[in-house]
Amino acid sequence: IVRPTGIASFLFYDREGQGIEPHIDTDVFAINVIIMLEHKRPKTHGSALVLFPPHKDPQRVELADGEMIVIFAGSVAHGREPIKRDETVSILTIGFQPTDA
């Protein structure tokens, strides 16, 4: 069971090289819902969400428009690869905390 934190973020990347370094969301929320609102890719492959599970190889996650993923953001490092030329990414993230119930 989880409770909403009331914290949500709209992330928009529109310049080559923008992204997010690997991090853990320990101060804000433990569970993160990431929704891909829109991803305009260049002719080659675009950037991806990258998860860094403990003791495993990094995992690239390429979400299509409208897809979402739920991650344990408080314990699994994650980030976004730098976007490419002619690429834009719009993401909505919503934070939750586990409850004891």
PDB file of N, CA and C in Angstrom:
ATOM      1  N   ILE A   1       0.860  -1.170   0.000  1.00  0.00           N
ATOM      2  CA  ILE A   1       0.000   0.000   0.000  1.00  0.00           C
ATOM      3  C   ILE A   1       0.905   1.231   0.000  1.00  0.00           C
ATOM      4  N   VAL A   2       0.519   2.215  -0.795  1.00  0.00           N
ATOM      5  CA  VAL A   2       1.294   3.448  -0.878  1.00  0.00           C
ATOM      6  C   VAL A   2       0.398   4.652  -0.658  1.00  0.00           C
ATOM      7  N   ARG A   3       1.015   5.772  -0.314  1.00  0.00           N
ATOM      8  CA  ARG A   3       0.268   7.024  -0.192  1.00  0.00           C
ATOM      9  C   ARG A   3       0.926   8.065  -1.094  1.00  0.00           C
ATOM     10  N   PRO A   4       0.119   8.905  -1.706  1.00  0.00           N
ATOM     11  CA  PRO A   4       0.688   9.949  -2.554  1.00  0.00           C
ATOM     12  C   PRO A   4       1.425  10.982  -1.713  1.00  0.00           C
ATOM     13  N   THR A   5       2.488  11.517  -2.252  1.00  0.00           N
ATOM     14  CA  THR A   5       3.248  12.551  -1.544  1.00  0.00           C
ATOM     15  C   THR A   5       2.784  13.951  -1.928  1.00  0.00           C
ATOM     16  N   GLY A   6       2.017  14.051  -3.006  1.00  0.00           N
ATOM     17  CA  GLY A   6       1.627  15.364  -3.508  1.00  0.00           C
ATOM     18  C   GLY A   6       2.727  16.006  -4.345  1.00  0.00           C
ATOM     19  N   ILE A   7       3.784  15.248  -4.609  1.00  0.00           N
ATOM     20  CA  ILE A   7       4.909  15.767  -5.391  1.00  0.00           C
ATOM     21  C   ILE A   7       4.858  15.162  -6.788  1.00  0.00           C
ATOM     22  N   ALA A   8       4.803  16.041  -7.763  1.00  0.00           N
ATOM     23  CA  ALA A   8       4.845  15.619  -9.163  1.00  0.00           C
ATOM     24  C   ALA A   8       5.749  16.587  -9.900  1.00  0.00           C
ATOM     25  N   SER A   9       6.366  16.107 -10.949  1.00  0.00           N
ATOM     26  CA  SER A   9       7.269  16.954 -11.740  1.00  0.00           C
ATOM     27  C   SER A   9       7.017  16.736 -13.219  1.00  0.00           C
ATOM     28  N   PHE A  10       6.988  17.840 -13.960  1.00  0.00           N
ATOM     29  CA  PHE A  10       6.940  17.772 -15.413  1.00  0.00           C
ATOM     30  C   PHE A  10       8.352  18.053 -15.900  1.00  0.00           C
ATOM     31  N   LEU A  11       8.914  17.121 -16.651  1.00  0.00           N
ATOM     32  CA  LEU A  11      10.269  17.278 -17.182  1.00  0.00           C
ATOM     33  C   LEU A  11      10.197  17.361 -18.695  1.00  0.00           C
ATOM     34  N   PHE A  12      10.859  18.378 -19.249  1.00  0.00           N
ATOM     35  CA  PHE A  12      10.871  18.574 -20.697  1.00  0.00           C
ATOM     36  C   PHE A  12      12.304  18.796 -21.137  1.00  0.00           C
ATOM     37  N   TYR A  13      12.766  17.946 -22.021  1.00  0.00           N
ATOM     38  CA  TYR A  13      14.115  18.066 -22.566  1.00  0.00           C
ATOM     39  C   TYR A  13      13.990  18.420 -24.044  1.00  0.00           C
ATOM     40  N   ASP A  14      14.670  19.480 -24.462  1.00  0.00           N
ATOM     41  CA  ASP A  14      14.573  19.875 -25.866  1.00  0.00           C
ATOM     42  C   ASP A  14      15.900  20.320 -26.463  1.00  0.00           C
ATOM     43  N   ARG A  15      16.980  20.183 -25.707  1.00  0.00           N
ATOM     44  CA  ARG A  15      18.299  20.552 -26.233  1.00  0.00           C
ATOM     45  C   ARG A  15      19.250  19.374 -26.139  1.00  0.00           C
ATOM     46  N   GLU A  16      19.985  19.171 -27.197  1.00  0.00           N
ATOM     47  CA  GLU A  16      20.952  18.086 -27.252  1.00  0.00           C
ATOM     48  C   GLU A  16      21.833  18.096 -26.009  1.00  0.00           C
ATOM     49  N   GLY A  17      21.999  16.931 -25.406  1.00  0.00           N
ATOM     50  CA  GLY A  17      22.849  16.805 -24.223  1.00  0.00           C
ATOM     51  C   GLY A  17      22.106  16.869 -22.902  1.00  0.00           C
ATOM     52  N   GLN A  18      20.852  17.357 -22.894  1.00  0.00           N
ATOM     53  CA  GLN A  18      20.105  17.398 -21.638  1.00  0.00           C
ATOM     54  C   GLN A  18      19.770  15.983 -21.178  1.00  0.00           C
ATOM     55  N   GLY A  19      19.727  15.780 -19.893  1.00  0.00           N
ATOM     56  CA  GLY A  19      19.403  14.490 -19.301  1.00  0.00           C
ATOM     57  C   GLY A  19      19.512  14.604 -17.797  1.00  0.00           C
ATOM     58  N   ILE A  20      19.507  13.494 -17.123  1.00  0.00           N
ATOM     59  CA  ILE A  20      19.649  13.491 -15.662  1.00  0.00           C
ATOM     60  C   ILE A  20      20.679  12.432 -15.289  1.00  0.00           C
ATOM     61  N   GLU A  21      21.663  12.831 -14.515  1.00  0.00           N
ATOM     62  CA  GLU A  21      22.678  11.900 -14.025  1.00  0.00           C
ATOM     63  C   GLU A  21      22.018  10.864 -13.118  1.00  0.00           C
ATOM     64  N   PRO A  22      22.608   9.674 -13.005  1.00  0.00           N
ATOM     65  CA  PRO A  22      22.050   8.660 -12.105  1.00  0.00           C
ATOM     66  C   PRO A  22      21.930   9.201 -10.676  1.00  0.00           C
ATOM     67  N   HIS A  23      20.793   8.911 -10.055  1.00  0.00           N
ATOM     68  CA  HIS A  23      20.524   9.408  -8.704  1.00  0.00           C
ATOM     69  C   HIS A  23      19.511   8.488  -8.024  1.00  0.00           C
ATOM     70  N   ILE A  24      19.333   8.703  -6.730  1.00  0.00           N
ATOM     71  CA  ILE A  24      18.328   8.001  -5.929  1.00  0.00           C
ATOM     72  C   ILE A  24      17.470   9.068  -5.271  1.00  0.00           C
ATOM     73  N   ASP A  25      16.148   8.873  -5.276  1.00  0.00           N
ATOM     74  CA  ASP A  25      15.214   9.867  -4.731  1.00  0.00           C
ATOM     75  C   ASP A  25      14.924   9.613  -3.261  1.00  0.00           C
ATOM     76  N   THR A  26      15.918   9.673  -2.410  1.00  0.00           N
ATOM     77  CA  THR A  26      15.719   9.331  -0.997  1.00  0.00           C
ATOM     78  C   THR A  26      15.037  10.426  -0.191  1.00  0.00           C
ATOM     79  N   ASP A  27      15.246  11.682  -0.538  1.00  0.00           N
ATOM     80  CA  ASP A  27      14.710  12.774   0.286  1.00  0.00           C
ATOM     81  C   ASP A  27      13.245  13.080   0.018  1.00  0.00           C
ATOM     82  N   VAL A  28      12.728  12.695  -1.136  1.00  0.00           N
ATOM     83  CA  VAL A  28      11.414  13.156  -1.540  1.00  0.00           C
ATOM     84  C   VAL A  28      10.367  12.042  -1.523  1.00  0.00           C
ATOM     85  N   PHE A  29      10.679  10.928  -2.145  1.00  0.00           N
ATOM     86  CA  PHE A  29       9.747   9.807  -2.210  1.00  0.00           C
ATOM     87  C   PHE A  29      10.513   8.530  -2.516  1.00  0.00           C
ATOM     88  N   ALA A  30       9.919   7.399  -2.201  1.00  0.00           N
ATOM     89  CA  ALA A  30      10.584   6.114  -2.404  1.00  0.00           C
ATOM     90  C   ALA A  30      10.113   5.414  -3.675  1.00  0.00           C
ATOM     91  N   ILE A  31       8.898   5.711  -4.099  1.00  0.00           N
ATOM     92  CA  ILE A  31       8.336   5.080  -5.293  1.00  0.00           C
ATOM     93  C   ILE A  31       8.005   6.176  -6.297  1.00  0.00           C
ATOM     94  N   ASN A  32       8.418   5.959  -7.542  1.00  0.00           N
ATOM     95  CA  ASN A  32       8.246   6.973  -8.574  1.00  0.00           C
ATOM     96  C   ASN A  32       7.501   6.368  -9.755  1.00  0.00           C
ATOM     97  N   VAL A  33       6.424   7.012 -10.150  1.00  0.00           N
ATOM     98  CA  VAL A  33       5.708   6.644 -11.371  1.00  0.00           C
ATOM     99  C   VAL A  33       6.196   7.602 -12.450  1.00  0.00           C
ATOM    100  N   ILE A  34       6.752   7.056 -13.508  1.00  0.00           N
ATOM    101  CA  ILE A  34       7.269   7.869 -14.616  1.00  0.00           C
ATOM    102  C   ILE A  34       6.391   7.603 -15.827  1.00  0.00           C
ATOM    103  N   ILE A  35       5.772   8.660 -16.346  1.00  0.00           N
ATOM    104  CA  ILE A  35       4.867   8.551 -17.491  1.00  0.00           C
ATOM    105  C   ILE A  35       5.486   9.288 -18.674  1.00  0.00           C
ATOM    106  N   MET A  36       5.653   8.591 -19.789  1.00  0.00           N
ATOM    107  CA  MET A  36       6.152   9.227 -21.007  1.00  0.00           C
ATOM    108  C   MET A  36       4.980   9.912 -21.699  1.00  0.00           C
ATOM    109  N   LEU A  37       4.989  11.225 -21.689  1.00  0.00           N
ATOM    110  CA  LEU A  37       3.923  11.967 -22.347  1.00  0.00           C
ATOM    111  C   LEU A  37       4.153  12.037 -23.848  1.00  0.00           C
ATOM    112  N   GLU A  38       5.390  12.365 -24.230  1.00  0.00           N
ATOM    113  CA  GLU A  38       5.713  12.445 -25.657  1.00  0.00           C
ATOM    114  C   GLU A  38       7.214  12.303 -25.838  1.00  0.00           C
ATOM    115  N   HIS A  39       7.596  11.503 -26.823  1.00  0.00           N
ATOM    116  CA  HIS A  39       9.014  11.327 -27.139  1.00  0.00           C
ATOM    117  C   HIS A  39       9.176  11.405 -28.647  1.00  0.00           C
ATOM    118  N   LYS A  40       9.730  12.507 -29.109  1.00  0.00           N
ATOM    119  CA  LYS A  40      10.037  12.666 -30.529  1.00  0.00           C
ATOM    120  C   LYS A  40      11.487  12.271 -30.716  1.00  0.00           C
ATOM    121  N   ARG A  41      11.693  11.178 -31.433  1.00  0.00           N
ATOM    122  CA  ARG A  41      13.034  10.618 -31.610  1.00  0.00           C
ATOM    123  C   ARG A  41      13.639  11.078 -32.926  1.00  0.00           C
ATOM    124  N   PRO A  42      14.966  11.173 -32.934  1.00  0.00           N
ATOM    125  CA  PRO A  42      15.631  11.426 -34.221  1.00  0.00           C
ATOM    126  C   PRO A  42      15.555  10.165 -35.085  1.00  0.00           C
ATOM    127  N   LYS A  43      16.044  10.258 -36.309  1.00  0.00           N
ATOM    128  CA  LYS A  43      15.992   9.101 -37.214  1.00  0.00           C
ATOM    129  C   LYS A  43      16.748   7.913 -36.646  1.00  0.00           C
ATOM    130  N   THR A  44      17.822   8.173 -35.922  1.00  0.00           N
ATOM    131  CA  THR A  44      18.522   7.092 -35.227  1.00  0.00           C
ATOM    132  C   THR A  44      17.805   6.859 -33.907  1.00  0.00           C
ATOM    133  N   HIS A  45      18.299   5.971 -33.075  1.00  0.00           N
ATOM    134  CA  HIS A  45      17.638   5.721 -31.786  1.00  0.00           C
ATOM    135  C   HIS A  45      17.784   6.931 -30.872  1.00  0.00           C
ATOM    136  N   GLY A  46      16.818   7.071 -29.961  1.00  0.00           N
ATOM    137  CA  GLY A  46      16.842   8.194 -29.031  1.00  0.00           C
ATOM    138  C   GLY A  46      17.382   7.797 -27.678  1.00  0.00           C
ATOM    139  N   SER A  47      17.249   8.714 -26.747  1.00  0.00           N
ATOM    140  CA  SER A  47      17.711   8.471 -25.384  1.00  0.00           C
ATOM    141  C   SER A  47      16.715   7.582 -24.645  1.00  0.00           C
ATOM    142  N   ALA A  48      17.125   7.119 -23.477  1.00  0.00           N
ATOM    143  CA  ALA A  48      16.277   6.225 -22.691  1.00  0.00           C
ATOM    144  C   ALA A  48      16.462   6.501 -21.205  1.00  0.00           C
ATOM    145  N   LEU A  49      15.488   6.084 -20.425  1.00  0.00           N
ATOM    146  CA  LEU A  49      15.617   5.993 -18.979  1.00  0.00           C
ATOM    147  C   LEU A  49      16.590   4.844 -18.732  1.00  0.00           C
ATOM    148  N   VAL A  50      17.487   5.007 -17.765  1.00  0.00           N
ATOM    149  CA  VAL A  50      18.421   3.925 -17.440  1.00  0.00           C
ATOM    150  C   VAL A  50      18.288   3.613 -15.958  1.00  0.00           C
ATOM    151  N   LEU A  51      18.082   2.336 -15.655  1.00  0.00           N
ATOM    152  CA  LEU A  51      18.011   1.856 -14.274  1.00  0.00           C
ATOM    153  C   LEU A  51      19.320   1.147 -13.956  1.00  0.00           C
ATOM    154  N   PHE A  52      19.788   1.319 -12.729  1.00  0.00           N
ATOM    155  CA  PHE A  52      21.028   0.714 -12.276  1.00  0.00           C
ATOM    156  C   PHE A  52      20.732  -0.187 -11.074  1.00  0.00           C
ATOM    157  N   PRO A  53      20.142  -1.378 -11.321  1.00  0.00           N
ATOM    158  CA  PRO A  53      19.825  -2.271 -10.206  1.00  0.00           C
ATOM    159  C   PRO A  53      21.101  -2.765  -9.528  1.00  0.00           C
ATOM    160  N   PRO A  54      21.060  -2.963  -8.214  1.00  0.00           N
ATOM    161  CA  PRO A  54      22.249  -3.442  -7.501  1.00  0.00           C
ATOM    162  C   PRO A  54      22.742  -4.776  -8.069  1.00  0.00           C
ATOM    163  N   HIS A  55      24.040  -4.864  -8.269  1.00  0.00           N
ATOM    164  CA  HIS A  55      24.706  -6.101  -8.694  1.00  0.00           C
ATOM    165  C   HIS A  55      24.252  -6.613 -10.060  1.00  0.00           C
ATOM    166  N   LYS A  56      23.732  -5.717 -10.901  1.00  0.00           N
ATOM    167  CA  LYS A  56      23.298  -6.089 -12.250  1.00  0.00           C
ATOM    168  C   LYS A  56      23.769  -5.026 -13.228  1.00  0.00           C
ATOM    169  N   ASP A  57      23.773  -5.378 -14.501  1.00  0.00           N
ATOM    170  CA  ASP A  57      24.111  -4.410 -15.540  1.00  0.00           C
ATOM    171  C   ASP A  57      23.022  -3.350 -15.646  1.00  0.00           C
ATOM    172  N   PRO A  58      23.377  -2.135 -16.067  1.00  0.00           N
ATOM    173  CA  PRO A  58      22.356  -1.094 -16.281  1.00  0.00           C
ATOM    174  C   PRO A  58      21.308  -1.574 -17.289  1.00  0.00           C
ATOM    175  N   GLN A  59      20.076  -1.120 -17.088  1.00  0.00           N
ATOM    176  CA  GLN A  59      18.972  -1.506 -17.968  1.00  0.00           C
ATOM    177  C   GLN A  59      18.377  -0.271 -18.623  1.00  0.00           C
ATOM    178  N   ARG A  60      18.423  -0.220 -19.956  1.00  0.00           N
ATOM    179  CA  ARG A  60      17.800   0.870 -20.713  1.00  0.00           C
ATOM    180  C   ARG A  60      16.307   0.575 -20.837  1.00  0.00           C
ATOM    181  N   VAL A  61      15.490   1.591 -20.590  1.00  0.00           N
ATOM    182  CA  VAL A  61      14.040   1.450 -20.703  1.00  0.00           C
ATOM    183  C   VAL A  61      13.554   2.541 -21.659  1.00  0.00           C
ATOM    184  N   GLU A  62      13.066   2.116 -22.825  1.00  0.00           N
ATOM    185  CA  GLU A  62      12.555   3.053 -23.810  1.00  0.00           C
ATOM    186  C   GLU A  62      11.032   3.019 -23.777  1.00  0.00           C
ATOM    187  N   LEU A  63      10.449   4.010 -23.126  1.00  0.00           N
ATOM    188  CA  LEU A  63       8.998   4.073 -23.023  1.00  0.00           C
ATOM    189  C   LEU A  63       8.409   4.719 -24.277  1.00  0.00           C
ATOM    190  N   ALA A  64       7.306   4.177 -24.768  1.00  0.00           N
ATOM    191  CA  ALA A  64       6.564   4.790 -25.867  1.00  0.00           C
ATOM    192  C   ALA A  64       5.614   5.839 -25.284  1.00  0.00           C
ATOM    193  N   ASP A  65       5.125   6.718 -26.123  1.00  0.00           N
ATOM    194  CA  ASP A  65       4.164   7.727 -25.673  1.00  0.00           C
ATOM    195  C   ASP A  65       3.000   7.050 -24.950  1.00  0.00           C
ATOM    196  N   GLY A  66       2.669   7.539 -23.751  1.00  0.00           N
ATOM    197  CA  GLY A  66       1.562   6.994 -22.973  1.00  0.00           C
ATOM    198  C   GLY A  66       1.947   5.839 -22.062  1.00  0.00           C
ATOM    199  N   GLU A  67       3.128   5.274 -22.207  1.00  0.00           N
ATOM    200  CA  GLU A  67       3.547   4.191 -21.325  1.00  0.00           C
ATOM    201  C   GLU A  67       4.087   4.747 -20.017  1.00  0.00           C
ATOM    202  N   MET A  68       4.067   3.909 -18.986  1.00  0.00           N
ATOM    203  CA  MET A  68       4.594   4.316 -17.689  1.00  0.00           C
ATOM    204  C   MET A  68       5.349   3.167 -17.055  1.00  0.00           C
ATOM    205  N   ILE A  69       6.165   3.525 -16.084  1.00  0.00           N
ATOM    206  CA  ILE A  69       6.903   2.542 -15.312  1.00  0.00           C
ATOM    207  C   ILE A  69       6.849   2.982 -13.852  1.00  0.00           C
ATOM    208  N   VAL A  70       6.805   2.014 -12.948  1.00  0.00           N
ATOM    209  CA  VAL A  70       6.851   2.281 -11.511  1.00  0.00           C
ATOM    210  C   VAL A  70       8.174   1.721 -11.017  1.00  0.00           C
ATOM    211  N   ILE A  71       8.973   2.581 -10.375  1.00  0.00           N
ATOM    212  CA  ILE A  71      10.282   2.130  -9.893  1.00  0.00           C
ATOM    213  C   ILE A  71      10.445   2.444  -8.407  1.00  0.00           C
ATOM    214  N   PHE A  72      11.291   1.674  -7.758  1.00  0.00           N
ATOM    215  CA  PHE A  72      11.669   1.953  -6.380  1.00  0.00           C
ATOM    216  C   PHE A  72      12.771   3.008  -6.418  1.00  0.00           C
ATOM    217  N   ALA A  73      12.360   4.256  -6.561  1.00  0.00           N
ATOM    218  CA  ALA A  73      13.295   5.367  -6.770  1.00  0.00           C
ATOM    219  C   ALA A  73      14.144   5.663  -5.544  1.00  0.00           C
ATOM    220  N   GLY A  74      13.726   5.182  -4.379  1.00  0.00           N
ATOM    221  CA  GLY A  74      14.489   5.397  -3.168  1.00  0.00           C
ATOM    222  C   GLY A  74      15.594   4.384  -2.953  1.00  0.00           C
ATOM    223  N   SER A  75      15.655   3.355  -3.813  1.00  0.00           N
ATOM    224  CA  SER A  75      16.691   2.348  -3.643  1.00  0.00           C
ATOM    225  C   SER A  75      17.368   1.922  -4.947  1.00  0.00           C
ATOM    226  N   VAL A  76      16.805   2.273  -6.077  1.00  0.00           N
ATOM    227  CA  VAL A  76      17.401   1.931  -7.371  1.00  0.00           C
ATOM    228  C   VAL A  76      17.850   3.214  -8.063  1.00  0.00           C
ATOM    229  N   ALA A  77      19.141   3.307  -8.325  1.00  0.00           N
ATOM    230  CA  ALA A  77      19.652   4.478  -9.037  1.00  0.00           C
ATOM    231  C   ALA A  77      19.057   4.491 -10.447  1.00  0.00           C
ATOM    232  N   HIS A  78      18.754   5.697 -10.926  1.00  0.00           N
ATOM    233  CA  HIS A  78      18.157   5.851 -12.239  1.00  0.00           C
ATOM    234  C   HIS A  78      18.527   7.214 -12.808  1.00  0.00           C
ATOM    235  N   GLY A  79      18.475   7.337 -14.111  1.00  0.00           N
ATOM    236  CA  GLY A  79      18.795   8.594 -14.768  1.00  0.00           C
ATOM    237  C   GLY A  79      18.285   8.569 -16.199  1.00  0.00           C
ATOM    238  N   ARG A  80      18.520   9.644 -16.918  1.00  0.00           N
ATOM    239  CA  ARG A  80      18.119   9.734 -18.327  1.00  0.00           C
ATOM    240  C   ARG A  80      19.354   9.998 -19.162  1.00  0.00           C
ATOM    241  N   GLU A  81      19.560   9.191 -20.190  1.00  0.00           N
ATOM    242  CA  GLU A  81      20.668   9.423 -21.103  1.00  0.00           C
ATOM    243  C   GLU A  81      20.525  10.807 -21.731  1.00  0.00           C
ATOM    244  N   PRO A  82      21.645  11.441 -22.094  1.00  0.00           N
ATOM    245  CA  PRO A  82      21.557  12.735 -22.779  1.00  0.00           C
ATOM    246  C   PRO A  82      20.771  12.588 -24.085  1.00  0.00           C
ATOM    247  N   ILE A  83      19.884  13.543 -24.322  1.00  0.00           N
ATOM    248  CA  ILE A  83      19.095  13.446 -25.541  1.00  0.00           C
ATOM    249  C   ILE A  83      19.945  13.832 -26.748  1.00  0.00           C
ATOM    250  N   LYS A  84      19.510  13.335 -27.882  1.00  0.00           N
ATOM    251  CA  LYS A  84      20.227  13.521 -29.129  1.00  0.00           C
ATOM    252  C   LYS A  84      19.719  14.767 -29.864  1.00  0.00           C
ATOM    253  N   ARG A  85      20.418  15.102 -30.897  1.00  0.00           N
ATOM    254  CA  ARG A  85      19.994  16.197 -31.771  1.00  0.00           C
ATOM    255  C   ARG A  85      18.633  15.838 -32.373  1.00  0.00           C
ATOM    256  N   ASP A  86      17.746  16.813 -32.476  1.00  0.00           N
ATOM    257  CA  ASP A  86      16.395  16.622 -33.046  1.00  0.00           C
ATOM    258  C   ASP A  86      15.517  15.702 -32.197  1.00  0.00           C
ATOM    259  N   GLU A  87      15.772  15.640 -30.905  1.00  0.00           N
ATOM    260  CA  GLU A  87      14.974  14.809 -29.997  1.00  0.00           C
ATOM    261  C   GLU A  87      14.338  15.702 -28.943  1.00  0.00           C
ATOM    262  N   THR A  88      13.103  15.394 -28.555  1.00  0.00           N
ATOM    263  CA  THR A  88      12.462  16.040 -27.409  1.00  0.00           C
ATOM    264  C   THR A  88      11.797  14.957 -26.559  1.00  0.00           C
ATOM    265  N   VAL A  89      11.746  15.200 -25.267  1.00  0.00           N
ATOM    266  CA  VAL A  89      11.158  14.255 -24.323  1.00  0.00           C
ATOM    267  C   VAL A  89      10.321  15.038 -23.316  1.00  0.00           C
ATOM    268  N   SER A  90       9.073  14.607 -23.110  1.00  0.00           N
ATOM    269  CA  SER A  90       8.187  15.180 -22.095  1.00  0.00           C
ATOM    270  C   SER A  90       7.755  14.061 -21.157  1.00  0.00           C
ATOM    271  N   ILE A  91       8.038  14.228 -19.872  1.00  0.00           N
ATOM    272  CA  ILE A  91       7.781  13.185 -18.870  1.00  0.00           C
ATOM    273  C   ILE A  91       7.042  13.799 -17.680  1.00  0.00           C
ATOM    274  N   LEU A  92       6.134  13.031 -17.101  1.00  0.00           N
ATOM    275  CA  LEU A  92       5.500  13.390 -15.841  1.00  0.00           C
ATOM    276  C   LEU A  92       5.913  12.353 -14.811  1.00  0.00           C
ATOM    277  N   THR A  93       6.416  12.802 -13.661  1.00  0.00           N
ATOM    278  CA  THR A  93       6.751  11.878 -12.574  1.00  0.00           C
ATOM    279  C   THR A  93       5.861  12.185 -11.374  1.00  0.00           C
ATOM    280  N   ILE A  94       5.428  11.137 -10.684  1.00  0.00           N
ATOM    281  CA  ILE A  94       4.565  11.283  -9.509  1.00  0.00           C
ATOM    282  C   ILE A  94       5.156  10.426  -8.393  1.00  0.00           C
ATOM    283  N   GLY A  95       5.389  11.040  -7.227  1.00  0.00           N
ATOM    284  CA  GLY A  95       6.023  10.346  -6.112  1.00  0.00           C
ATOM    285  C   GLY A  95       5.050   9.774  -5.102  1.00  0.00           C
ATOM    286  N   PHE A  96       5.399   8.612  -4.571  1.00  0.00           N
ATOM    287  CA  PHE A  96       4.605   7.928  -3.544  1.00  0.00           C
ATOM    288  C   PHE A  96       5.527   7.411  -2.448  1.00  0.00           C
ATOM    289  N   GLN A  97       4.953   7.203  -1.276  1.00  0.00           N
ATOM    290  CA  GLN A  97       5.670   6.589  -0.145  1.00  0.00           C
ATOM    291  C   GLN A  97       4.924   5.336   0.279  1.00  0.00           C
ATOM    292  N   PRO A  98       5.663   4.285   0.636  1.00  0.00           N
ATOM    293  CA  PRO A  98       4.976   3.089   1.154  1.00  0.00           C
ATOM    294  C   PRO A  98       4.382   3.375   2.534  1.00  0.00           C
ATOM    295  N   THR A  99       3.324   2.661   2.874  1.00  0.00           N
ATOM    296  CA  THR A  99       2.715   2.788   4.199  1.00  0.00           C
ATOM    297  C   THR A  99       2.920   1.466   4.949  1.00  0.00           C
ATOM    298  N   ASP A 100       2.623   1.480   6.227  1.00  0.00           N
ATOM    299  CA  ASP A 100       2.781   0.287   7.055  1.00  0.00           C
ATOM    300  C   ASP A 100       1.531  -0.588   7.064  1.00  0.00           C
ATOM    301  N   ALA A 101       0.474  -0.130   6.424  1.00  0.00           N
ATOM    302  CA  ALA A 101      -0.815  -0.855   6.499  1.00  0.00           C
ATOM    303  C   ALA A 101      -0.808  -2.164   5.816  1.00  0.00           C
TER     304      ALA A 101
END
